[in-house]
Amino acid sequence: MKRKFKFYDSYGVEEYYLYNPYKNEWTGWLRGKGGRLRQVPHMAGWISPRLKVRFEMKAGDLELYHPDGRRFATYLEVAKRGEQAEQRADRLAAQLRALGIDPEA
């Protein structure tokens, strides 16, 4: 991680964020005066100047919010939506087959 940080610092990355889900720790750095990445002192409620994403800790989990205030979906939420969409597609394909239509054609 130190090498990665040095790389980002050297090549002008404006913001750098690191999250450890096992320890529920997150840290952010922002390019400051002098052109170096400087650690953000308080990440709770931090809003990224570039991305406009807000960082919050809720119920022991890191949550990210879009600029309009909507929470980013978690991995499990996205996976569940994908599973639901797949089930719906299977049901619709079965209905088409029942009508004598090949859904693959």
Foldseek 3Di string as FASTA:
>chain_A
DVVVQVVCQVPQPQKDKDADLVVRDIWMWGQDPVSGTDTDPDQAQDADPVQRWGWHQDPSHIWIAHNVGHIDDDPVRVVVVVVVVVVVVVVVQVVCVVVVHHPVD
